[in-house]
């Protein structure tokens, strides 16, 4: 049984179905505003309904303002690599495929206790479904943030800020 598990994990790894072992996405989300204050990031998003207490980022944005994607990736001390925010979009059409709009690199060096943190900004989003994959140089996905961009989105909820 144990040998079968090893073989299964190996096969899944080489099929890119599981991320590289030393890297892991510890936190990520889509935000209206991000500010760096000393060693912390202030992440502002539209607070969800009272029952969505787990929600700590936006899942719906307007096309008028910039959209920010924040990520925190854990990496072991000796690891130096490049991670990407891979921005993809598709129109409101169930038959459409996602198209790449940007693939933004960031070089990281492991060892930070709370993970390596960074964000990217998209200034002009088109209406439709969006996703931002956090991925390695060879395209392995560590995590994914999704949101919908619409025209004339009014803020029905209170804005709130968290610190990371």
Foldseek 3Di string as FASTA:
>chain_A
DVVVVVVVVVVCVVVLVDADVQKAWPDKEKAQDWDDDPPKIKGKAFDDDPVPPVDDYAQEEEQQAKMKMKTFMAGDQADKFKKWWFKWWDAPDPPTDIDTDDIDIDIDGHDDPRGDMDMDMDGGDDFGKMKIFTAGPVGRGNDMYIHGYDHPDDRPGDMDIDMD
